[in-house]
């Protein structure tokens, strides 16, 4: 190295040439090795981050799907339970009888019911049965005699009946000369599949 084209280099020139070659080697290393490897490492790190985000999103999706499937099962069970509370039309008389017994269990004496059990029996047998799950609303007007507390307990216990029934109207009148007895008129609706 000390001779370049026939000339002898001095120590300063030799040092400058060595430093230049070393800088050239560092630049060559940087551009040929370090920069491509560093760029590829950054690309791979970005890909790993993207894949980790995708994996986290997929795990969240799996958790959501699982919780949604559980919610669907619960709703299906609730729907089946709710649907079972709509008996068939062939049970109208049985339902009306259960309501009368229910009132009797709560110390309410039946005075009158419209339509009567005979009319309900005719309704039960009338008409063609339809395919599908259509619901029919059957109004019942019941007149009981009993005490206010007994009526309150009966109304509170209505939710425990094995079928759907709504109470649309309640009318109370005192029974003349028979305190604390009340004349109780209830407008009920039964719901059955037709």
Protein backbone atom coordinates (compact mmCIF):
# COMPACT_ATOMS: atom_id res chain seq x y z
CA UNK A 1 0.00 0.00 0.00
CA UNK A 2 2.85 2.24 0.50
CA UNK A 3 3.51 2.27 -3.22
CA UNK A 4 0.86 3.55 -5.57
CA UNK A 5 2.02 3.78 -9.13
CA UNK A 6 5.56 4.02 -8.25
CA UNK A 7 5.35 6.67 -5.62
CA UNK A 8 5.90 6.06 -2.00
CA UNK A 9 3.18 7.40 0.29
CA UNK A 10 3.90 9.16 3.47
CA UNK A 11 2.42 8.25 6.82
CA UNK A 12 -0.27 10.91 6.53
CA UNK A 13 -1.29 9.79 3.10
CA UNK A 14 -1.23 6.17 4.19
CA UNK A 15 -3.49 7.06 7.14
CA UNK A 16 -5.85 9.02 4.89
CA UNK A 17 -5.95 6.12 2.41
CA UNK A 18 -6.64 3.62 5.22
CA UNK A 19 -9.37 5.84 6.64
CA UNK A 20 -10.86 6.24 3.15
CA UNK A 21 -10.83 2.48 2.58
CA UNK A 22 -12.31 1.92 5.98
CA UNK A 23 -15.06 4.48 5.26
CA UNK A 24 -15.65 2.86 1.88
CA UNK A 25 -15.91 -0.55 3.58
CA UNK A 26 -18.33 0.84 6.20
CA UNK A 27 -20.43 2.47 3.45
CA UNK A 28 -20.35 -0.77 1.45
CA UNK A 29 -21.38 -2.74 4.58
CA UNK A 30 -24.14 -0.24 5.34
CA UNK A 31 -25.64 -0.22 1.84
CA UNK A 32 -25.14 -3.90 0.97
CA UNK A 33 -25.79 -5.56 4.32
CA UNK A 34 -27.13 -3.38 7.12
CA UNK A 35 -29.74 -1.32 5.25
CA UNK A 36 -31.42 -4.26 3.42
CA UNK A 37 -31.43 -6.36 6.61
CA UNK A 38 -32.73 -3.41 8.67
CA UNK A 39 -35.44 -2.66 6.09
CA UNK A 40 -36.44 -6.33 5.93
CA UNK A 41 -36.49 -6.48 9.77
CA UNK A 42 -38.83 -3.45 9.88
CA UNK A 43 -41.08 -5.05 7.24
CA UNK A 44 -41.17 -8.30 9.21
CA UNK A 45 -41.89 -6.43 12.47
CA UNK A 46 -44.76 -4.60 10.72
CA UNK A 47 -46.07 -7.91 9.39
CA UNK A 48 -45.81 -9.48 12.85
CA UNK A 49 -47.69 -6.52 14.38
CA UNK A 50 -50.35 -6.80 11.68
CA UNK A 51 -50.67 -10.56 12.24
CA UNK A 52 -50.90 -10.04 16.02
CA UNK A 53 -53.68 -7.47 15.47
CA UNK A 54 -55.46 -9.95 13.21
CA UNK A 55 -55.03 -12.69 15.80
CA UNK A 56 -56.41 -10.45 18.56
CA UNK A 57 -59.36 -9.49 16.33
CA UNK A 58 -60.00 -13.17 15.54
CA UNK A 59 -59.88 -14.04 19.26
CA UNK A 60 -62.34 -11.21 20.02
CA UNK A 61 -64.54 -12.51 17.21
CA UNK A 62 -64.43 -16.04 18.66
CA UNK A 63 -65.35 -14.72 22.12
CA UNK A 64 -68.19 -12.65 20.61
CA UNK A 65 -69.44 -15.59 18.55
CA UNK A 66 -69.39 -17.81 21.64
CA UNK A 67 -71.28 -15.25 23.73
CA UNK A 68 -73.76 -14.67 20.88
CA UNK A 69 -74.34 -18.43 20.56
CA UNK A 70 -75.02 -18.61 24.30
CA UNK A 71 -77.43 -15.65 23.99
CA UNK A 72 -79.16 -17.34 21.03
CA UNK A 73 -79.58 -20.55 23.04
CA UNK A 74 -81.01 -18.58 25.95
CA UNK A 75 -83.42 -16.75 23.61
CA UNK A 76 -84.44 -20.02 21.95
CA UNK A 77 -85.16 -21.48 25.38
CA UNK A 78 -87.10 -18.36 26.36
CA UNK A 79 -89.08 -18.45 23.10
CA UNK A 80 -89.88 -22.14 23.56
CA UNK A 81 -90.94 -21.46 27.14
CA UNK A 82 -93.05 -18.48 26.06
CA UNK A 83 -94.59 -20.42 23.17
CA UNK A 84 -95.50 -23.28 25.51
CA UNK A 85 -97.66 -20.78 27.42
CA UNK A 86 -100.01 -20.61 24.41
CA UNK A 87 -102.08 -23.80 24.59
CA UNK A 88 -104.01 -25.21 21.66
CA UNK A 89 -107.52 -24.00 20.92
CA UNK A 90 -108.85 -27.39 21.98
CA UNK A 91 -108.07 -26.42 25.58
CA UNK A 92 -110.21 -23.28 25.87
CA UNK A 93 -112.72 -24.84 28.29
CA UNK A 94 -109.90 -26.30 30.37
CA UNK A 95 -108.23 -22.87 30.60
CA UNK A 96 -111.48 -21.17 31.64
CA UNK A 97 -112.01 -23.88 34.27
CA UNK A 98 -108.48 -23.30 35.58
CA UNK A 99 -109.22 -19.58 35.94
CA UNK A 100 -112.42 -20.33 37.86
CA UNK A 101 -110.56 -22.75 40.13
CA UNK A 102 -107.79 -20.18 40.53
CA UNK A 103 -110.35 -17.62 41.72
CA UNK A 104 -111.88 -20.19 44.07
CA UNK A 105 -108.43 -21.01 45.52
CA UNK A 106 -108.15 -17.31 46.39
CA UNK A 107 -111.55 -17.25 48.14
CA UNK A 108 -113.35 -15.55 45.25
CA UNK A 109 -116.80 -16.93 44.46
CA UNK A 110 -117.80 -17.00 40.80
CA UNK A 111 -121.11 -15.24 40.22
CA UNK A 112 -121.11 -15.14 36.43
CA UNK A 113 -118.86 -15.76 33.42
CA UNK A 114 -119.44 -14.66 29.83
CA UNK A 115 -119.09 -16.45 27.55
CA UNK A 116 -120.21 -19.47 29.54
CA UNK A 117 -118.34 -22.77 29.57
CA UNK A 118 -120.93 -24.10 27.11
CA UNK A 119 -120.28 -21.20 24.70
CA UNK A 120 -116.53 -21.65 25.13
CA UNK A 121 -116.93 -25.34 24.30
CA UNK A 122 -118.70 -24.36 21.07
CA UNK A 123 -115.89 -21.90 20.29
CA UNK A 124 -113.33 -24.58 21.04
CA UNK A 125 -114.91 -26.92 18.47
CA UNK A 126 -115.84 -24.28 15.87
CA UNK A 127 -113.84 -23.42 12.80
CA UNK A 128 -111.06 -25.14 10.94
CA UNK A 129 -107.66 -25.34 12.50
CA UNK A 130 -105.08 -23.29 10.65
CA UNK A 131 -101.55 -24.30 9.86
CA UNK A 132 -98.87 -22.17 11.43
CA UNK A 133 -98.61 -20.66 14.86
CA UNK A 134 -101.38 -18.05 14.87
CA UNK A 135 -102.65 -16.77 18.20
CA UNK A 136 -106.29 -16.14 19.03
CA UNK A 137 -107.37 -13.79 21.80
CA UNK A 138 -110.43 -14.92 23.75
CA UNK A 139 -112.20 -12.36 25.97
CA UNK A 140 -113.77 -13.54 29.24
CA UNK A 141 -115.90 -11.38 31.48
CA UNK A 142 -115.89 -12.82 34.99
CA UNK A 143 -117.85 -11.61 37.97
CA UNK A 144 -116.65 -12.72 41.39
CA UNK A 145 -117.59 -11.89 44.93
CA UNK A 146 -114.90 -11.70 47.58
CA UNK A 147 -112.65 -9.50 49.64
CA UNK A 148 -110.18 -6.95 48.32
CA UNK A 149 -107.16 -8.68 49.89
CA UNK A 150 -108.12 -12.01 48.26
CA UNK A 151 -108.43 -10.28 44.89
CA UNK A 152 -105.01 -8.67 45.34
CA UNK A 153 -103.42 -12.03 46.17
CA UNK A 154 -105.05 -13.62 43.13
CA UNK A 155 -103.87 -10.85 40.80
CA UNK A 156 -100.36 -11.13 42.20
CA UNK A 157 -100.34 -14.90 41.59
CA UNK A 158 -101.57 -14.65 37.96
CA UNK A 159 -97.99 -14.73 36.64
CA UNK A 160 -97.64 -18.25 38.05
CA UNK A 161 -100.36 -19.64 35.79
CA UNK A 162 -99.03 -22.05 33.13
CA UNK A 163 -100.63 -20.06 30.31
CA UNK A 164 -100.74 -16.48 29.11
CA UNK A 165 -103.60 -14.35 30.30
CA UNK A 166 -104.01 -10.61 30.57
CA UNK A 167 -106.38 -8.65 32.73
CA UNK A 168 -107.69 -5.69 30.77
CA UNK A 169 -110.14 -4.20 33.23
CA UNK A 170 -111.04 -4.50 36.92
CA UNK A 171 -114.19 -3.03 38.43
CA UNK A 172 -114.96 -3.12 42.17
CA UNK A 173 -118.24 -2.30 43.89
CA UNK A 174 -119.11 -2.93 47.55
CA UNK A 175 -121.83 -5.54 48.14
CA UNK A 176 -124.70 -3.80 49.94
CA UNK A 177 -125.10 -5.03 53.51
CA UNK A 178 -122.23 -7.51 53.25
CA UNK A 179 -119.06 -5.62 54.24
CA UNK A 180 -116.14 -6.34 53.36
CA UNK A 181 -117.43 -8.31 50.35
CA UNK A 182 -116.95 -6.75 46.92
CA UNK A 183 -118.61 -7.31 43.58
CA UNK A 184 -115.54 -7.85 41.37
CA UNK A 185 -115.75 -7.70 37.59
CA UNK A 186 -112.70 -8.75 35.58
CA UNK A 187 -112.25 -8.53 31.83
CA UNK A 188 -109.68 -11.19 30.93
CA UNK A 189 -108.05 -12.30 27.72
CA UNK A 190 -106.85 -15.85 27.10
CA UNK A 191 -104.46 -16.60 24.26
CA UNK A 192 -104.44 -19.89 22.35
CA UNK A 193 -102.93 -21.29 19.16
CA UNK A 194 -105.47 -21.76 16.41
